[in-house]
Amino acid sequence: MLILVLVVSGSLLVWPLIQRRFSTAKDVGNLEATRLINSSNAVLVDLREPKEYEGGHLPNAVHIPLSQLESRGSELSKVVGRPVVAYCMTGNRGRSAAGALARLGFTEIYALTGGFRGWKDAGLPVEK
């Protein structure tokens, strides 16, 4: 039983590293995301649920909750040629959305490390 607990807990610690390695999204911090927005006209996609979004969001972000990304993905068809920076509250859902965004035709997919919380804690602009 103890060995099983050791294997399971070890797997849970290694899983984020494996997920990052095989994800189509590249992790970017606040500085790199700002550079992408300013120089490449990157699209910001807020993957949080409506209640989270109402509490504030990054400027000019498109709000499509992760649970609705497959069904509402056509809303992003006009901007497929641009880089996309996906974010949530802490950064986990951004990486999870990479597959769906790739299926929509995006080739430059980035996940904001630290998500909205990291952006706000850095004192960067937020809209309500």
C-alpha atoms as a PDB file:
ATOM      1  CA  MET A   1       0.000   0.000   0.000  1.00  0.00           C
ATOM      2  CA  LEU A   2       2.814   2.379   0.888  1.00  0.00           C
ATOM      3  CA  ILE A   3       4.527   1.721  -2.448  1.00  0.00           C
ATOM      4  CA  LEU A   4       1.289   2.491  -4.298  1.00  0.00           C
ATOM      5  CA  VAL A   5       0.983   5.824  -2.469  1.00  0.00           C
ATOM      6  CA  LEU A   6       4.610   6.602  -3.341  1.00  0.00           C
ATOM      7  CA  VAL A   7       4.073   5.831  -7.047  1.00  0.00           C
ATOM      8  CA  VAL A   8       0.817   7.809  -7.269  1.00  0.00           C
ATOM      9  CA  SER A   9       2.204  10.867  -5.467  1.00  0.00           C
ATOM     10  CA  GLY A  10       5.377  10.775  -7.567  1.00  0.00           C
ATOM     11  CA  SER A  11       3.293  10.590 -10.740  1.00  0.00           C
ATOM     12  CA  LEU A  12       1.246  13.592  -9.663  1.00  0.00           C
ATOM     13  CA  LEU A  13       4.430  15.591  -9.135  1.00  0.00           C
ATOM     14  CA  VAL A  14       5.849  14.667 -12.542  1.00  0.00           C
ATOM     15  CA  TRP A  15       2.611  15.082 -14.527  1.00  0.00           C
ATOM     16  CA  PRO A  16       2.829  18.902 -14.984  1.00  0.00           C
ATOM     17  CA  LEU A  17       6.326  18.509 -16.435  1.00  0.00           C
ATOM     18  CA  ILE A  18       5.136  15.873 -18.895  1.00  0.00           C
ATOM     19  CA  GLN A  19       2.083  17.929 -19.820  1.00  0.00           C
ATOM     20  CA  ARG A  20       4.235  21.006 -20.578  1.00  0.00           C
ATOM     21  CA  ARG A  21       6.588  18.938 -22.719  1.00  0.00           C
ATOM     22  CA  PHE A  22       3.828  17.651 -25.017  1.00  0.00           C
ATOM     23  CA  SER A  23       1.554  20.686 -25.009  1.00  0.00           C
ATOM     24  CA  THR A  24       1.194  22.757 -28.184  1.00  0.00           C
ATOM     25  CA  ALA A  25       1.161  25.920 -26.047  1.00  0.00           C
ATOM     26  CA  LYS A  26       4.314  27.713 -24.990  1.00  0.00           C
ATOM     27  CA  ASP A  27       4.380  29.223 -21.521  1.00  0.00           C
ATOM     28  CA  VAL A  28       4.894  32.997 -21.455  1.00  0.00           C
ATOM     29  CA  GLY A  29       5.235  35.384 -18.555  1.00  0.00           C
ATOM     30  CA  ASN A  30       3.777  38.861 -18.260  1.00  0.00           C
ATOM     31  CA  LEU A  31       6.692  40.535 -20.037  1.00  0.00           C
ATOM     32  CA  GLU A  32       6.620  38.227 -23.056  1.00  0.00           C
ATOM     33  CA  ALA A  33       2.810  38.406 -23.241  1.00  0.00           C
ATOM     34  CA  THR A  34       2.991  42.207 -23.269  1.00  0.00           C
ATOM     35  CA  ARG A  35       5.573  42.053 -26.063  1.00  0.00           C
ATOM     36  CA  LEU A  36       3.311  39.736 -28.087  1.00  0.00           C
ATOM     37  CA  ILE A  37       0.350  42.075 -27.592  1.00  0.00           C
ATOM     38  CA  ASN A  38       2.312  45.176 -28.603  1.00  0.00           C
ATOM     39  CA  SER A  39       4.423  43.832 -31.457  1.00  0.00           C
ATOM     40  CA  SER A  40       2.364  40.963 -32.912  1.00  0.00           C
ATOM     41  CA  ASN A  41      -1.177  42.106 -32.070  1.00  0.00           C
ATOM     42  CA  ALA A  42      -1.766  38.909 -30.086  1.00  0.00           C
ATOM     43  CA  VAL A  43      -5.322  37.933 -29.197  1.00  0.00           C
ATOM     44  CA  LEU A  44      -6.040  37.452 -25.493  1.00  0.00           C
ATOM     45  CA  VAL A  45      -8.522  34.678 -24.722  1.00  0.00           C
ATOM     46  CA  ASP A  46      -9.947  34.615 -21.205  1.00  0.00           C
ATOM     47  CA  LEU A  47     -10.930  31.017 -20.413  1.00  0.00           C
ATOM     48  CA  ARG A  48     -12.481  31.706 -17.015  1.00  0.00           C
ATOM     49  CA  GLU A  49     -16.114  31.271 -16.124  1.00  0.00           C
ATOM     50  CA  PRO A  50     -18.426  34.342 -16.314  1.00  0.00           C
ATOM     51  CA  LYS A  51     -18.338  35.100 -12.571  1.00  0.00           C
ATOM     52  CA  GLU A  52     -14.535  35.166 -12.632  1.00  0.00           C
ATOM     53  CA  TYR A  53     -14.496  37.360 -15.751  1.00  0.00           C
ATOM     54  CA  GLU A  54     -16.860  39.905 -14.184  1.00  0.00           C
ATOM     55  CA  GLY A  55     -14.304  40.484 -11.423  1.00  0.00           C
ATOM     56  CA  GLY A  56     -11.848  41.894 -13.973  1.00  0.00           C
ATOM     57  CA  HIS A  57      -9.950  40.825 -17.064  1.00  0.00           C
ATOM     58  CA  LEU A  58      -7.000  41.754 -19.236  1.00  0.00           C
ATOM     59  CA  PRO A  59      -7.631  44.689 -21.591  1.00  0.00           C
ATOM     60  CA  ASN A  60      -9.363  43.753 -24.869  1.00  0.00           C
ATOM     61  CA  ALA A  61      -9.611  40.080 -23.919  1.00  0.00           C
ATOM     62  CA  VAL A  62     -12.094  37.830 -25.703  1.00  0.00           C
ATOM     63  CA  HIS A  63     -14.120  35.911 -23.125  1.00  0.00           C
ATOM     64  CA  ILE A  64     -14.803  32.286 -24.042  1.00  0.00           C
ATOM     65  CA  PRO A  65     -14.918  29.926 -21.059  1.00  0.00           C
ATOM     66  CA  LEU A  66     -12.894  26.741 -21.534  1.00  0.00           C
ATOM     67  CA  SER A  67     -16.076  24.688 -21.234  1.00  0.00           C
ATOM     68  CA  GLN A  68     -17.482  26.521 -24.295  1.00  0.00           C
ATOM     69  CA  LEU A  69     -14.326  26.803 -26.405  1.00  0.00           C
ATOM     70  CA  GLU A  70     -15.234  23.960 -28.782  1.00  0.00           C
ATOM     71  CA  SER A  71     -18.759  25.256 -29.428  1.00  0.00           C
ATOM     72  CA  ARG A  72     -17.887  28.977 -29.602  1.00  0.00           C
ATOM     73  CA  GLY A  73     -14.533  28.666 -31.333  1.00  0.00           C
ATOM     74  CA  SER A  74     -15.948  30.109 -34.561  1.00  0.00           C
ATOM     75  CA  GLU A  75     -15.974  33.519 -32.819  1.00  0.00           C
ATOM     76  CA  LEU A  76     -12.186  33.487 -33.183  1.00  0.00           C
ATOM     77  CA  SER A  77     -12.142  32.656 -36.904  1.00  0.00           C
ATOM     78  CA  LYS A  78     -11.353  36.269 -37.885  1.00  0.00           C
ATOM     79  CA  VAL A  79      -8.113  36.268 -35.882  1.00  0.00           C
ATOM     80  CA  VAL A  80      -6.693  32.810 -36.657  1.00  0.00           C
ATOM     81  CA  GLY A  81      -3.534  34.241 -38.254  1.00  0.00           C
ATOM     82  CA  ARG A  82      -2.530  36.113 -35.098  1.00  0.00           C
ATOM     83  CA  PRO A  83      -0.779  34.705 -32.026  1.00  0.00           C
ATOM     84  CA  VAL A  84      -3.127  33.807 -29.185  1.00  0.00           C
ATOM     85  CA  VAL A  85      -2.424  34.113 -25.458  1.00  0.00           C
ATOM     86  CA  ALA A  86      -4.842  32.014 -23.422  1.00  0.00           C
ATOM     87  CA  TYR A  87      -5.242  32.610 -19.712  1.00  0.00           C
ATOM     88  CA  CYS A  88      -7.366  31.679 -16.736  1.00  0.00           C
ATOM     89  CA  MET A  89      -7.073  32.554 -13.063  1.00  0.00           C
ATOM     90  CA  THR A  90      -3.777  30.762 -12.331  1.00  0.00           C
ATOM     91  CA  GLY A  91      -2.503  29.440 -15.675  1.00  0.00           C
ATOM     92  CA  ASN A  92      -3.646  25.805 -15.758  1.00  0.00           C
ATOM     93  CA  ARG A  93      -6.612  26.108 -18.116  1.00  0.00           C
ATOM     94  CA  GLY A  94      -4.503  28.059 -20.617  1.00  0.00           C
ATOM     95  CA  ARG A  95      -2.401  24.986 -21.324  1.00  0.00           C
ATOM     96  CA  SER A  96      -5.493  22.779 -21.420  1.00  0.00           C
ATOM     97  CA  ALA A  97      -7.022  24.937 -24.162  1.00  0.00           C
ATOM     98  CA  ALA A  98      -4.028  24.532 -26.495  1.00  0.00           C
ATOM     99  CA  GLY A  99      -5.421  21.477 -28.279  1.00  0.00           C
ATOM    100  CA  ALA A 100      -8.780  23.122 -28.974  1.00  0.00           C
ATOM    101  CA  LEU A 101      -7.084  26.305 -30.190  1.00  0.00           C
ATOM    102  CA  ALA A 102      -4.824  24.277 -32.500  1.00  0.00           C
ATOM    103  CA  ARG A 103      -7.892  22.536 -33.959  1.00  0.00           C
ATOM    104  CA  LEU A 104      -9.362  25.988 -34.653  1.00  0.00           C
ATOM    105  CA  GLY A 105      -6.318  26.772 -36.799  1.00  0.00           C
ATOM    106  CA  PHE A 106      -4.064  28.733 -34.442  1.00  0.00           C
ATOM    107  CA  THR A 107      -0.376  27.962 -34.878  1.00  0.00           C
ATOM    108  CA  GLU A 108       1.121  30.361 -32.324  1.00  0.00           C
ATOM    109  CA  ILE A 109      -0.465  29.414 -29.003  1.00  0.00           C
ATOM    110  CA  TYR A 110       0.770  30.734 -25.672  1.00  0.00           C
ATOM    111  CA  ALA A 111      -0.384  30.112 -22.100  1.00  0.00           C
ATOM    112  CA  LEU A 112       0.047  32.973 -19.632  1.00  0.00           C
ATOM    113  CA  THR A 113       2.073  31.722 -16.680  1.00  0.00           C
ATOM    114  CA  GLY A 114       0.387  32.731 -13.436  1.00  0.00           C
ATOM    115  CA  GLY A 115      -2.803  33.632 -15.315  1.00  0.00           C
ATOM    116  CA  PHE A 116      -4.944  36.617 -14.374  1.00  0.00           C
ATOM    117  CA  ARG A 117      -3.791  36.524 -10.763  1.00  0.00           C
ATOM    118  CA  GLY A 118      -0.124  36.836 -11.781  1.00  0.00           C
ATOM    119  CA  TRP A 119      -0.957  39.664 -14.200  1.00  0.00           C
ATOM    120  CA  LYS A 120      -2.926  41.582 -11.563  1.00  0.00           C
ATOM    121  CA  ASP A 121      -0.335  40.974  -8.822  1.00  0.00           C
ATOM    122  CA  ALA A 122       2.321  42.458 -11.137  1.00  0.00           C
ATOM    123  CA  GLY A 123       0.309  45.691 -11.231  1.00  0.00           C
ATOM    124  CA  LEU A 124      -0.482  45.430 -14.937  1.00  0.00           C
ATOM    125  CA  PRO A 125      -3.684  46.981 -16.360  1.00  0.00           C
ATOM    126  CA  VAL A 126      -7.018  45.288 -15.711  1.00  0.00           C
ATOM    127  CA  GLU A 127     -10.472  46.140 -17.092  1.00  0.00           C
ATOM    128  CA  LYS A 128     -13.791  45.588 -15.332  1.00  0.00           C
END
